[in-house]
Protein backbone atom coordinates (compact mmCIF):
# COMPACT_ATOMS: atom_id res chain seq x y z
CA MET A 1 -36.18 52.80 15.66
CA PRO A 2 -32.80 54.56 15.57
CA SER A 3 -29.86 52.50 14.31
CA PHE A 4 -27.10 51.47 16.66
CA SER A 5 -23.62 50.27 15.67
CA ASN A 6 -21.85 50.03 19.03
CA PRO A 7 -22.45 46.66 20.77
CA SER A 8 -22.78 48.37 24.18
CA GLU A 9 -25.43 50.74 22.82
CA ILE A 10 -27.29 47.81 21.25
CA ALA A 11 -27.22 45.92 24.58
CA ARG A 12 -28.43 49.00 26.51
CA GLU A 13 -31.29 49.54 24.06
CA ALA A 14 -32.22 45.84 24.25
CA PHE A 15 -32.49 46.01 28.07
CA ARG A 16 -34.59 49.19 27.78
CA LEU A 17 -37.01 47.53 25.37
CA LEU A 18 -37.29 44.47 27.61
CA ALA A 19 -38.32 46.77 30.47
CA THR A 20 -40.70 49.00 28.51
CA ARG A 21 -42.40 46.02 26.83
CA ARG A 22 -42.55 44.18 30.12
CA ILE A 23 -40.95 41.04 28.63
CA ALA A 24 -39.32 38.48 30.91
CA PRO A 25 -35.51 38.97 30.77
CA THR A 26 -34.67 35.43 29.66
CA PRO A 27 -31.62 34.71 27.40
CA GLU A 28 -33.90 33.81 24.52
CA ASN A 29 -35.95 37.04 24.81
CA TYR A 30 -32.81 39.12 25.17
CA GLN A 31 -31.28 37.50 22.06
CA THR A 32 -34.45 38.22 20.06
CA ILE A 33 -34.58 41.88 21.11
CA TYR A 34 -30.82 42.26 20.59
CA HIS A 35 -31.02 41.08 16.96
CA GLU A 36 -34.09 43.27 16.45
CA VAL A 37 -32.16 46.34 17.57
CA ALA A 38 -29.03 45.38 15.62
CA GLY A 39 -31.02 44.56 12.49
CA THR A 40 -29.48 41.07 12.15
CA HIS A 41 -30.87 37.54 11.89
CA PRO A 42 -29.99 34.96 14.57
CA ALA A 43 -28.88 32.44 11.91
CA GLU A 44 -26.53 35.02 10.39
CA ALA A 45 -24.98 35.83 13.74
CA SER A 46 -24.11 32.23 14.60
CA ALA A 47 -20.82 30.79 13.43
CA PHE A 48 -20.98 28.64 10.31
CA PRO A 49 -20.49 24.97 11.41
CA SER A 50 -17.93 24.10 8.72
CA ASP A 51 -16.36 21.18 10.61
CA LEU A 52 -19.72 19.62 11.46
CA LEU A 53 -20.97 19.90 7.88
CA LYS A 54 -17.68 18.54 6.55
CA SER A 55 -17.92 15.43 8.74
CA LEU A 56 -21.54 14.99 7.65
CA GLN A 57 -20.59 15.33 3.98
CA GLN A 58 -17.90 12.65 4.36
CA GLU A 59 -20.51 10.15 5.61
CA LEU A 60 -22.78 10.60 2.58
CA PRO A 61 -22.83 7.75 0.03
CA ARG A 62 -21.16 8.32 -3.36
CA GLU A 63 -22.48 5.38 -5.34
CA SER A 64 -24.43 7.24 -8.05
CA PRO A 65 -23.66 10.34 -10.15
CA ALA A 66 -26.43 12.25 -8.33
CA GLN A 67 -24.91 11.39 -4.95
CA LEU A 68 -21.45 12.38 -6.17
CA ARG A 69 -22.79 15.70 -7.41
CA LEU A 70 -24.60 16.34 -4.10
CA SER A 71 -21.47 15.55 -2.09
CA ARG A 72 -19.38 17.87 -4.26
CA GLU A 73 -21.93 20.73 -4.10
CA LEU A 74 -22.28 20.42 -0.31
CA GLU A 75 -18.50 20.48 0.06
CA GLN A 76 -18.24 23.65 -2.04
CA ALA A 77 -21.08 25.27 -0.09
CA ALA A 78 -19.38 24.43 3.21
CA LYS A 79 -16.08 25.87 1.99
CA GLY A 80 -17.86 29.08 0.95
CA GLU A 81 -19.91 29.11 4.20
CA SER A 82 -23.04 29.63 2.13
CA TRP A 83 -26.31 28.42 3.65
CA ALA A 84 -28.13 29.41 0.46
CA ASN A 85 -26.02 27.11 -1.73
CA TYR A 86 -26.27 24.36 0.88
CA ARG A 87 -30.06 24.69 0.92
CA THR A 88 -30.28 24.78 -2.90
CA ALA A 89 -28.20 21.60 -3.31
CA LEU A 90 -30.28 19.68 -0.77
CA VAL A 91 -33.61 20.84 -2.22
CA ARG A 92 -32.59 19.95 -5.78
CA PHE A 93 -31.37 16.49 -4.71
CA ILE A 94 -34.59 15.79 -2.79
CA GLN A 95 -36.68 16.93 -5.76
CA GLU A 96 -34.70 14.64 -8.09
CA GLN A 97 -35.12 11.68 -5.74
CA SER A 98 -38.81 12.43 -5.36
CA ALA A 99 -39.17 12.44 -9.13
CA VAL A 100 -37.46 9.04 -9.29
CA GLU A 101 -39.67 7.63 -6.55
CA ALA A 102 -42.75 8.97 -8.35
CA LEU A 103 -42.01 6.81 -11.39
CA PRO A 104 -44.79 4.24 -12.01
CA TRP A 105 -42.71 1.22 -11.03
CA GLY A 106 -45.75 -0.93 -10.27
CA GLU A 107 -47.15 -0.55 -13.77
CA LEU A 108 -43.75 -1.22 -15.32
CA ILE A 109 -43.19 -4.39 -13.23
CA ASN A 110 -46.65 -5.68 -14.21
CA SER A 111 -45.76 -5.13 -17.87
CA LEU A 112 -42.41 -6.89 -17.35
CA LEU A 113 -44.08 -9.95 -15.80
CA ARG A 114 -46.70 -10.05 -18.54
CA GLU A 115 -44.12 -9.93 -21.33
CA TRP A 116 -41.89 -12.42 -19.48
CA ASP A 117 -44.67 -15.02 -19.49
CA ALA A 118 -45.68 -14.27 -23.08
CA SER A 119 -44.16 -16.03 -26.10
CA HIS A 120 -42.13 -13.91 -28.49
CA ALA A 121 -40.75 -14.82 -31.88
CA GLY A 122 -37.02 -15.42 -31.69
CA ILE A 123 -36.73 -14.56 -27.98
CA THR A 124 -36.26 -17.54 -25.70
CA PRO A 125 -36.53 -17.37 -21.89
CA GLY A 126 -32.75 -17.77 -21.76
CA LYS A 127 -32.29 -14.70 -23.96
CA LYS A 128 -34.75 -12.77 -21.81
CA ARG A 129 -32.79 -13.70 -18.71
CA GLU A 130 -29.54 -12.67 -20.42
CA GLY A 131 -31.06 -9.32 -21.37
CA LEU A 132 -32.21 -8.64 -17.80
CA GLU A 133 -28.84 -9.60 -16.34
CA HIS A 134 -27.03 -7.31 -18.78
CA LEU A 135 -29.46 -4.49 -18.01
CA PHE A 136 -29.05 -4.71 -14.23
CA ALA A 137 -25.28 -5.02 -14.52
CA SER A 138 -24.96 -1.89 -16.66
CA ALA A 139 -27.57 0.29 -14.92
CA GLY A 140 -25.67 0.48 -11.63
CA ASN A 141 -27.38 2.44 -8.83
CA ASN A 142 -29.11 5.04 -11.03
CA ALA A 143 -32.83 4.35 -10.52
CA GLU A 144 -33.96 6.76 -13.23
CA ALA A 145 -31.69 5.17 -15.83
CA LEU A 146 -32.80 1.70 -14.70
CA TYR A 147 -36.43 2.65 -15.19
CA GLY A 148 -35.83 3.98 -18.70
CA ARG A 149 -33.81 0.95 -19.80
CA LEU A 150 -36.29 -1.48 -18.30
CA GLN A 151 -39.11 0.34 -20.06
CA ASN A 152 -37.30 0.10 -23.39
CA LEU A 153 -36.60 -3.61 -22.82
CA VAL A 154 -40.28 -4.39 -22.10
CA ARG A 155 -41.35 -2.34 -25.11
CA SER A 156 -38.89 -4.18 -27.39
CA TRP A 157 -40.20 -7.55 -26.17
CA ALA A 158 -43.76 -6.46 -26.92
CA GLN A 159 -42.79 -5.25 -30.39
CA ALA A 160 -40.94 -8.50 -31.14
CA GLY A 161 -43.99 -10.57 -30.30
CA HIS A 162 -45.66 -9.83 -33.65
CA GLY A 163 -42.62 -10.01 -35.91
CA ASP A 164 -40.10 -12.48 -37.22
CA ASP A 165 -37.00 -13.74 -35.44
CA VAL A 166 -35.19 -10.89 -33.74
CA GLN A 167 -31.42 -10.73 -33.35
CA LEU A 168 -30.37 -9.79 -29.84
CA VAL A 169 -27.57 -7.38 -29.03
CA ASP A 170 -26.23 -8.02 -25.51
CA GLY A 171 -29.43 -9.91 -24.81
CA VAL A 172 -31.70 -6.94 -25.71
CA PRO A 173 -33.64 -6.86 -29.02
CA PRO A 174 -33.36 -3.69 -31.09
CA ALA A 175 -36.24 -1.25 -31.19
CA ALA A 176 -38.84 -1.85 -33.90
CA THR A 177 -38.71 0.27 -37.00
CA GLU A 178 -42.43 0.33 -37.86
CA PRO A 179 -44.04 3.78 -37.93
CA ALA A 180 -46.42 2.83 -35.14
CA ALA A 181 -43.50 1.71 -32.97
CA ARG A 182 -41.59 4.90 -33.72
CA ALA A 183 -44.65 6.91 -32.74
CA SER A 184 -45.11 5.08 -29.47
CA ALA A 185 -41.42 4.97 -28.52
CA PRO A 186 -40.09 8.14 -26.83
CA ALA A 187 -37.04 9.93 -28.17
CA SER A 188 -35.04 9.11 -25.02
CA SER A 189 -33.55 5.80 -26.15
CA ARG A 190 -30.94 3.93 -24.19
CA ALA A 191 -28.19 6.10 -25.69
CA ALA A 192 -30.10 9.22 -24.66
CA ASP A 193 -30.48 7.81 -21.15
CA LEU A 194 -26.73 7.48 -20.93
CA VAL A 195 -26.02 11.10 -21.90
CA PRO A 196 -26.71 12.65 -18.44
CA GLN A 197 -24.63 9.97 -16.76
CA MET A 198 -21.80 10.43 -19.22
CA ARG A 199 -21.97 14.19 -18.69
CA ASP A 200 -21.81 13.85 -14.90
CA LEU A 201 -19.08 11.24 -15.12
CA LEU A 202 -17.01 13.45 -17.43
CA ALA A 203 -17.37 16.40 -15.06
CA PHE A 204 -16.47 14.24 -12.08
CA ALA A 205 -13.38 12.87 -13.86
CA LEU A 206 -12.22 16.35 -14.86
CA GLU A 207 -12.63 17.75 -11.33
CA ASN A 208 -11.43 14.86 -9.20
CA ALA A 209 -9.09 12.83 -11.43
CA VAL A 210 -7.56 15.12 -14.02
CA ALA A 211 -7.27 18.30 -11.94
CA ALA A 212 -5.73 16.40 -9.03
CA GLN A 213 -3.01 14.99 -11.31
CA ILE A 214 -1.94 18.36 -12.72
CA VAL A 215 -1.81 20.51 -9.58
CA GLU A 216 1.71 21.61 -10.53
CA ALA A 217 0.18 23.19 -13.67
CA PRO A 218 -2.35 25.65 -12.14
CA GLU A 219 -3.54 26.95 -15.50
CA LEU A 220 -4.43 23.48 -16.77
CA ALA A 221 -6.01 22.53 -13.45
CA ALA A 222 -8.23 25.63 -13.60
CA GLN A 223 -9.14 24.76 -17.20
CA ALA A 224 -10.13 21.23 -16.12
CA THR A 225 -12.43 22.66 -13.44
CA ALA A 226 -13.96 25.08 -15.95
CA LEU A 227 -14.54 22.25 -18.44
CA ALA A 228 -16.29 20.25 -15.69
CA ALA A 229 -18.70 23.14 -15.10
CA GLN A 230 -19.19 23.50 -18.86
CA ALA A 231 -19.96 19.76 -19.16
CA ARG A 232 -22.73 19.97 -16.55
CA LYS A 233 -24.39 22.81 -18.45
CA ALA A 234 -24.09 21.19 -21.90
CA HIS A 235 -27.75 20.34 -22.57
CA SER A 236 -28.00 21.49 -26.19
CA VAL A 237 -26.30 20.24 -29.35
CA GLN A 238 -24.43 23.52 -29.75
CA ALA A 239 -23.20 23.39 -26.15
CA ILE A 240 -21.98 19.82 -26.63
CA ASP A 241 -20.16 20.80 -29.85
CA ASP A 242 -18.46 23.69 -28.05
CA LEU A 243 -17.52 21.34 -25.21
CA LEU A 244 -16.00 18.83 -27.64
CA THR A 245 -13.90 21.58 -29.25
CA ASP A 246 -12.61 22.76 -25.87
CA LEU A 247 -11.95 19.18 -24.77
CA LYS A 248 -9.83 18.53 -27.87
CA ARG A 249 -7.71 21.61 -27.13
CA PHE A 250 -7.41 20.57 -23.51
CA ALA A 251 -6.42 17.01 -24.50
CA PHE A 252 -3.71 18.41 -26.79
CA ARG A 253 -2.28 20.46 -23.92
CA LEU A 254 -2.45 17.42 -21.64
CA GLU A 255 -0.54 15.41 -24.22
CA LEU A 256 2.21 18.04 -24.26
CA LEU A 257 2.34 18.02 -20.47
CA ALA A 258 2.55 14.21 -20.46
CA ASP A 259 5.46 14.34 -22.91
CA ASP A 260 7.27 16.85 -20.70
CA ARG A 261 6.68 14.67 -17.65
CA SER A 262 7.96 11.61 -19.47
CA GLU A 263 11.14 13.41 -20.50
CA LEU A 264 11.60 14.73 -16.96
CA ARG A 265 11.15 11.27 -15.50
CA LYS A 266 13.62 9.74 -17.95
CA GLY A 267 16.16 12.46 -17.18
CA LEU A 268 15.83 12.00 -13.41
CA LEU A 269 16.10 8.22 -13.68
CA HIS A 270 19.16 8.54 -15.89
CA LEU A 271 20.75 10.94 -13.40
CA LEU A 272 19.95 8.59 -10.51
CA GLN A 273 21.38 5.65 -12.43
CA LEU A 274 24.62 7.54 -13.01
CA VAL A 275 24.89 8.36 -9.30
CA ILE A 276 24.25 4.74 -8.31
CA GLU A 277 26.86 3.43 -10.76
CA ASN A 278 29.38 5.97 -9.49
CA ILE A 279 28.75 4.92 -5.89
CA GLY A 280 29.19 1.29 -6.93
CA GLU A 281 32.60 2.13 -8.41
CA LEU A 282 33.66 4.06 -5.31
CA VAL A 283 32.73 1.29 -2.86
CA ILE A 284 34.06 -1.62 -4.91
CA ASP A 285 35.83 -3.04 -1.82
CA ASP A 286 32.86 -2.44 0.51
CA GLN A 287 30.63 -5.51 0.40
CA TRP A 288 28.11 -3.99 2.82
CA LEU A 289 26.62 -1.67 0.21
CA HIS A 290 26.50 -4.09 -2.70
CA GLY A 291 23.02 -5.44 -1.91
CA GLN A 292 21.54 -1.98 -1.47
CA ILE A 293 23.10 -0.70 -4.68
CA ALA A 294 21.80 -3.78 -6.52
CA ILE A 295 18.20 -3.20 -5.41
CA LEU A 296 18.40 0.47 -6.44
CA ARG A 297 19.68 -0.58 -9.84
CA ASP A 298 16.73 -2.93 -10.20
CA ILE A 299 14.29 -0.13 -9.32
CA VAL A 300 15.60 2.39 -11.83
CA ALA A 301 15.83 -0.29 -14.54
CA ARG A 302 12.14 -1.25 -14.29
CA PRO A 303 8.89 0.76 -14.54
CA LEU A 304 8.35 2.61 -11.29
CA SER A 305 5.50 1.63 -8.97
CA LEU A 306 4.61 2.55 -5.42
CA ARG A 307 4.65 -1.07 -4.30
CA THR A 308 8.17 -1.64 -5.68
CA ILE A 309 9.50 1.43 -3.91
CA ASP A 310 7.71 0.53 -0.66
CA ASP A 311 9.17 -2.98 -0.74
CA ALA A 312 12.69 -1.66 -1.40
CA GLU A 313 12.38 0.91 1.37
CA ARG A 314 11.23 -1.70 3.87
CA ARG A 315 14.04 -4.12 3.02
CA ILE A 316 16.79 -1.49 3.00
CA ARG A 317 15.60 -0.08 6.33
CA GLU A 318 15.82 -3.53 7.89
CA VAL A 319 19.29 -4.15 6.47
CA VAL A 320 20.56 -0.76 7.65
CA PHE A 321 19.38 -1.59 11.16
CA LYS A 322 21.09 -4.99 11.16
CA GLN A 323 24.25 -3.61 9.65
CA SER A 324 24.48 -0.87 12.27
CA GLN A 325 24.36 -3.48 15.04
CA LEU A 326 26.90 -5.76 13.37
CA LYS A 327 29.19 -2.88 12.47
CA HIS A 328 29.27 -1.77 16.10
CA SER A 329 30.31 -5.28 17.16
CA LEU A 330 32.94 -5.36 14.40
CA VAL A 331 34.42 -2.05 15.54
CA GLU A 332 34.62 -3.35 19.13
CA ALA A 333 36.38 -6.53 17.93
CA LYS A 334 38.89 -4.52 15.91
CA GLU A 335 39.61 -2.26 18.89
CA ALA A 336 40.21 -5.33 21.07
CA LEU A 337 42.57 -6.74 18.45
CA LYS A 338 44.44 -3.45 18.30
CA THR A 339 44.82 -3.41 22.09
CA MET A 340 46.19 -6.95 22.11
CA LEU A 341 48.70 -6.12 19.38
CA VAL A 342 49.89 -3.11 21.36
CA GLY A 343 50.37 -5.36 24.41
CA PHE A 344 52.20 -7.87 22.26
CA VAL A 345 54.64 -5.19 21.13
CA ASP A 346 55.07 -3.97 24.71
CA HIS A 347 56.00 -7.50 25.84
CA LEU A 348 58.58 -7.73 23.08
CA ALA A 349 60.06 -4.40 24.17
CA GLU A 350 60.21 -5.51 27.79
CA PHE A 351 61.91 -8.77 26.79
CA ALA A 352 64.40 -6.86 24.66
CA ASP A 353 65.17 -4.53 27.59
CA SER A 354 65.73 -7.42 30.00
CA THR A 355 67.98 -9.16 27.46
CA SER A 356 69.99 -5.99 26.98
CA ASP A 357 70.49 -5.69 30.76
CA TYR A 358 71.55 -9.34 30.88
CA HIS A 359 74.20 -8.77 28.18
CA ASP A 360 75.54 -5.74 30.03
CA LYS A 361 75.81 -7.69 33.28
CA ILE A 362 77.46 -10.67 31.56
CA GLU A 363 80.01 -8.31 30.02
CA VAL A 364 80.83 -6.95 33.52
CA CYS A 365 81.18 -10.51 34.83
CA ALA A 366 83.53 -11.36 31.93
CA GLN A 367 85.73 -8.45 32.92
CA LYS A 368 85.72 -9.66 36.53
CA ILE A 369 86.72 -13.15 35.38
CA SER A 370 89.63 -11.73 33.41
CA ALA A 371 90.84 -9.77 36.44
CA ALA A 372 90.46 -12.63 38.92
CA ASN A 373 93.68 -13.95 40.50
CA ASP A 374 92.37 -17.04 42.27
CA ILE A 375 89.49 -19.47 42.35
CA ASP A 376 87.75 -17.70 45.24
CA ASP A 377 87.26 -14.57 43.14
CA LEU A 378 85.78 -16.67 40.32
CA ALA A 379 83.19 -18.30 42.63
CA ASP A 380 81.43 -15.00 43.32
CA VAL A 381 81.40 -14.09 39.64
CA ILE A 382 79.98 -17.51 38.65
CA GLN A 383 77.22 -17.18 41.24
CA GLU A 384 76.30 -13.76 39.79
CA VAL A 385 76.29 -15.14 36.24
CA MET A 386 74.06 -18.06 37.26
CA ARG A 387 71.67 -15.71 39.10
CA GLU A 388 71.32 -13.32 36.11
CA THR A 389 70.93 -16.23 33.73
CA ARG A 390 68.19 -17.71 35.89
CA ILE A 391 66.39 -14.32 35.96
CA VAL A 392 66.59 -14.03 32.17
CA GLN A 393 65.36 -17.59 31.82
CA ILE A 394 62.35 -16.89 34.07
CA ASN A 395 61.58 -13.66 32.18
CA ALA A 396 61.87 -15.44 28.86
CA GLN A 397 59.53 -18.22 30.03
CA ARG A 398 56.97 -15.69 31.30
CA SER A 399 57.21 -13.64 28.10
CA ARG A 400 56.78 -16.78 26.01
CA ASP A 401 53.65 -17.76 27.95
CA GLU A 402 52.23 -14.26 27.68
CA LEU A 403 52.99 -14.06 23.97
CA GLN A 404 51.31 -17.43 23.34
CA ALA A 405 48.22 -16.30 25.29
CA ALA A 406 48.19 -13.06 23.29
CA ARG A 407 48.51 -15.02 20.08
CA HIS A 408 45.50 -17.16 21.03
CA ARG A 409 43.49 -14.04 21.83
CA VAL A 410 44.47 -12.50 18.51
CA GLN A 411 43.43 -15.64 16.66
CA GLU A 412 40.08 -15.74 18.49
CA THR A 413 39.47 -12.08 17.73
CA GLU A 414 40.37 -12.60 14.08
CA ARG A 415 37.90 -15.49 13.94
CA ARG A 416 35.17 -13.31 15.49
CA ILE A 417 35.91 -10.51 13.03
CA GLY A 418 35.58 -12.99 10.18
CA GLU A 419 32.22 -14.18 11.53
CA LEU A 420 30.99 -10.60 11.86
CA GLN A 421 32.14 -9.85 8.34
CA GLN A 422 30.18 -12.86 7.05
CA GLU A 423 27.10 -11.75 8.98
CA LEU A 424 27.41 -8.29 7.45
CA ASP A 425 27.67 -9.78 3.97
CA LYS A 426 24.65 -11.96 4.70
CA ALA A 427 22.70 -8.95 5.98
CA SER A 428 23.45 -7.11 2.74
CA THR A 429 22.03 -9.98 0.70
CA LEU A 430 18.79 -9.72 2.68
CA VAL A 431 17.97 -6.63 0.60
CA ARG A 432 17.18 -8.98 -2.28
CA HIS A 433 16.51 -12.36 -0.61
CA ASP A 434 14.47 -12.34 2.56
CA GLN A 435 15.31 -15.36 4.74
CA LEU A 436 14.43 -18.87 3.58
CA THR A 437 11.66 -18.35 1.04
CA GLY A 438 12.29 -14.82 -0.19
CA ALA A 439 8.82 -13.81 1.04
CA LEU A 440 8.10 -11.11 3.58
CA ASN A 441 8.30 -11.96 7.26
CA ARG A 442 5.67 -10.97 9.83
CA ARG A 443 7.06 -7.49 10.34
CA GLY A 444 7.17 -6.92 6.60
CA LEU A 445 3.58 -8.20 6.36
CA GLU A 446 2.45 -5.67 8.98
CA GLU A 447 3.95 -2.79 7.01
CA ALA A 448 2.57 -4.06 3.69
CA PHE A 449 -0.91 -4.60 5.19
CA GLU A 450 -0.97 -1.12 6.68
CA LYS A 451 -0.14 0.48 3.33
CA GLU A 452 -2.49 -1.70 1.27
CA ALA A 453 -5.36 -1.15 3.73
CA GLY A 454 -4.75 2.59 3.57
CA ARG A 455 -4.79 2.53 -0.24
CA ALA A 456 -8.00 0.47 -0.26
CA ALA A 457 -9.71 2.92 2.10
CA ARG A 458 -8.63 5.98 0.11
CA ARG A 459 -9.64 4.50 -3.25
CA ARG A 460 -12.76 2.76 -1.91
CA MET A 461 -11.53 -0.47 -3.48
CA PRO A 462 -11.68 -3.98 -1.98
CA LEU A 463 -8.68 -5.71 -0.39
CA CYS A 464 -8.69 -9.48 0.07
CA VAL A 465 -6.51 -11.52 2.41
CA ALA A 466 -5.77 -15.21 1.81
CA LEU A 467 -4.17 -17.57 4.32
CA LEU A 468 -2.88 -20.86 2.90
CA ASP A 469 -1.28 -23.86 4.59
CA ILE A 470 0.59 -26.77 2.97
CA ASP A 471 -1.33 -30.04 3.29
CA ASN A 472 0.37 -32.88 5.19
CA PHE A 473 3.51 -30.82 5.82
CA LYS A 474 4.36 -32.63 9.08
CA LYS A 475 4.26 -35.98 7.26
CA LEU A 476 6.57 -34.58 4.59
CA ASN A 477 9.01 -33.37 7.24
CA ASP A 478 8.95 -36.62 9.20
CA SER A 479 9.40 -38.87 6.19
CA LEU A 480 11.91 -36.86 4.11
CA GLY A 481 13.57 -34.60 6.68
CA HIS A 482 13.64 -30.90 7.42
CA ASP A 483 15.79 -30.13 4.38
CA ALA A 484 13.03 -31.45 2.14
CA GLY A 485 10.48 -29.42 4.10
CA ASP A 486 12.51 -26.24 3.62
CA ALA A 487 12.88 -26.97 -0.10
CA ALA A 488 9.10 -27.49 -0.36
CA LEU A 489 8.49 -24.09 1.26
CA ILE A 490 10.91 -22.45 -1.17
CA HIS A 491 9.18 -24.20 -4.10
CA LEU A 492 5.72 -23.04 -2.99
CA ALA A 493 6.89 -19.44 -2.47
CA ALA A 494 8.45 -19.40 -5.94
CA VAL A 495 5.25 -20.70 -7.57
CA ILE A 496 3.18 -18.08 -5.72
CA ARG A 497 5.40 -15.21 -6.85
CA GLU A 498 5.43 -16.41 -10.48
CA SER A 499 1.69 -17.12 -10.64
CA MET A 500 0.15 -14.17 -8.79
CA ARG A 501 -0.02 -10.58 -10.04
CA PRO A 502 2.87 -8.14 -9.49
CA GLN A 503 0.74 -6.03 -7.11
CA ASP A 504 -0.07 -9.04 -4.89
CA THR A 505 2.04 -9.44 -1.74
CA VAL A 506 3.13 -12.80 -0.31
CA ALA A 507 4.44 -13.25 3.23
CA ARG A 508 5.45 -16.25 5.29
CA PHE A 509 3.16 -16.13 8.31
CA GLY A 510 4.79 -18.93 10.25
CA GLY A 511 5.83 -22.54 9.68
CA GLU A 512 4.14 -23.73 6.50
CA GLU A 513 1.56 -20.90 6.43
CA PHE A 514 1.62 -18.04 3.92
CA VAL A 515 -0.50 -14.89 3.69
CA ILE A 516 -1.30 -13.26 0.34
CA LEU A 517 -2.66 -9.71 0.03
CA LEU A 518 -4.75 -9.15 -3.11
CA PRO A 519 -5.51 -5.42 -3.62
CA ASP A 520 -8.37 -4.19 -5.83
CA THR A 521 -9.85 -7.70 -5.74
CA ALA A 522 -13.30 -8.83 -4.63
CA ALA A 523 -13.77 -11.98 -2.56
CA ASP A 524 -14.97 -14.18 -5.43
CA GLU A 525 -12.14 -13.03 -7.70
CA ALA A 526 -9.63 -13.75 -4.93
CA ARG A 527 -11.04 -17.25 -4.49
CA GLN A 528 -10.69 -17.89 -8.23
CA ALA A 529 -7.09 -16.60 -8.15
CA LEU A 530 -6.24 -19.07 -5.36
CA VAL A 531 -7.90 -21.91 -7.28
CA ARG A 532 -5.75 -21.05 -10.32
CA LEU A 533 -2.70 -21.08 -8.05
CA GLN A 534 -3.64 -24.59 -6.86
CA ARG A 535 -3.88 -25.79 -10.46
CA GLU A 536 -0.52 -24.25 -11.30
CA LEU A 537 1.06 -25.94 -8.28
CA THR A 538 -0.22 -29.35 -9.42
CA LYS A 539 1.40 -28.79 -12.84
CA ARG A 540 4.81 -28.01 -11.33
CA PHE A 541 5.98 -31.01 -9.33
CA PHE A 542 8.36 -30.61 -6.39
CA LEU A 543 11.56 -32.60 -6.98
CA HIS A 544 13.36 -34.24 -4.06
CA ASN A 545 16.25 -36.59 -4.82
CA ASN A 546 14.99 -36.78 -8.42
CA GLU A 547 11.60 -37.94 -7.14
CA LYS A 548 8.44 -36.02 -8.13
CA LEU A 549 6.26 -35.04 -5.18
CA LEU A 550 2.85 -33.37 -5.38
CA ILE A 551 2.38 -30.43 -3.00
CA THR A 552 -1.10 -29.06 -2.29
CA PHE A 553 -2.45 -26.44 0.07
CA SER A 554 -5.71 -25.45 1.71
CA ALA A 555 -6.67 -21.80 1.86
CA GLY A 556 -9.17 -19.39 3.37
CA VAL A 557 -10.05 -16.11 1.66
CA THR A 558 -11.81 -13.08 3.09
CA GLU A 559 -12.34 -9.43 2.24
CA LEU A 560 -11.18 -6.65 4.53
CA ARG A 561 -14.06 -4.82 6.20
CA ALA A 562 -14.12 -1.17 7.21
CA GLY A 563 -12.20 -0.51 10.42
CA GLU A 564 -10.68 -3.99 10.69
CA ASP A 565 -7.06 -4.56 11.70
CA GLN A 566 -4.70 -7.22 10.41
CA ALA A 567 -5.24 -9.63 13.30
CA THR A 568 -9.02 -9.69 12.82
CA VAL A 569 -9.03 -10.29 9.07
CA VAL A 570 -6.25 -12.89 9.25
CA LYS A 571 -8.11 -14.74 12.01
CA ARG A 572 -11.22 -14.91 9.82
CA ALA A 573 -9.16 -16.22 6.90
CA ASP A 574 -7.53 -18.74 9.25
CA GLU A 575 -10.94 -20.07 10.32
CA ALA A 576 -11.93 -20.48 6.66
CA MET A 577 -8.63 -22.26 5.97
CA TYR A 578 -9.28 -24.78 8.75
CA GLU A 579 -12.73 -25.35 7.27
CA ALA A 580 -11.00 -26.21 3.99
CA LYS A 581 -8.73 -28.65 5.86
CA ARG A 582 -11.67 -30.24 7.63
CA THR A 583 -13.69 -30.74 4.44
CA GLY A 584 -11.06 -32.56 2.42
CA LYS A 585 -7.94 -30.35 1.94
CA ASN A 586 -6.66 -28.88 -1.33
CA ARG A 587 -9.64 -26.52 -1.26
CA VAL A 588 -10.23 -22.77 -1.11
CA VAL A 589 -13.01 -21.67 1.24
CA PRO A 590 -14.28 -18.07 1.40
CA ALA A 591 -14.92 -16.72 4.89
């Protein structure tokens, strides 16, 4: 068949072959003939579904080293649009899983049960249980490693049955040293079982942890990726020795880079501190910026963390918003005061003008009096003097009333300006002290939850939410007053902040309820943390009028689930908290 390169020629030849071969002209038949003429394969002609494969790869589990390696290989194959690499990765993973499933688990479990029931010198049932628990905890999700370790454990129990007392290490007896035992035991001991996992883990750390942290150093990032590939291929002693040598060189270069980063960070922080101090000197009379400058000083003086910066950003943003509103009102008040002062001056000018006219007219009347020859001439002049005097008197009275009214308006405006100034000063202090308890409010909780939930999803780490409520708070308020209730809330918030971890977030949810976010914490660990907080609260009595009062709280704890919003997880914690109230108070109930 002659070769065709022009698509129109290929299409014409395809139609001709359909006619000569008397094949039905369906789309499928035409596509087959078309690729036959063009010399291509239908799979090669179709577009590579990168987006579809990427979404599929993101849904794959990553709990074991084999699954992590499969996910990474599929991602690289999708980026390179290589069906061959994609097929190779899937086939190898399926073969590995098939090999794991083919392991004689039934025989091994029978041996485990037989040795469990048997008596062994120096190995009590409690020690056997401890050994199994340690084995399952350390094996993780790697079935092949679990099989090997379980096999070694059963073999060590069997060997210990005919010897003297055996000392356990982490609940597992050491392998026997008799020649027969050495002959029967395979060379792949527990340490050998860990080598493939350590190799995969090292490669994964180099590719995903180290390389991602040094992207600004492309040469080192490329070296980390190359070392990861070298680690996966290191199956011989010589290859492992070469890998160790290269890793030492790489670690030395990383240490130099870390030193450079540390110096750069110190220099930037020092520069920022100088700028902040200079701004503080320039705005010494401006109280509005003092709170913001203080929080920036605290940040640069302590070790940096994302949560500290997020908290400062949230508080400063809120203060800037409040200050902008108050400053607008203050400007309006000052403009009103300026207008009133201008009117005050205008009234004084008008009064001065009328007084000047009065003096001029009185001077004319005095001249008329001097020139008068009889009493009749004086009568007209006296009437004019009395009329002008009355006019001046009326003007003076009106000016006095207007000036007094203006003075009252000026005083009222000055009072309003003072109030606005105090509100501005108070708003500035909110950068460091948030409302009554110093905890976050609801809006701050929403922002903190959004960021912590995002971090938990990205890192695949748990996030727990606790909702706690002071026990018998209404009785405390009714018997001691609202001031005592407010002081109790402040006391509880202070104990929470001092007892919980720095990365934990506390927010006042409403009334006597508080919400605590515990990142990187499982549900049981969060429950234990709240129990410790209860114990700490009982040690630190609340003082009211020199009287010691015991404050307790009930709490519900739950772990954030995938796709949940704040309202859902808080509602579940709230239901658990009410269960704690119902079952006796001063308890922590997991949802």
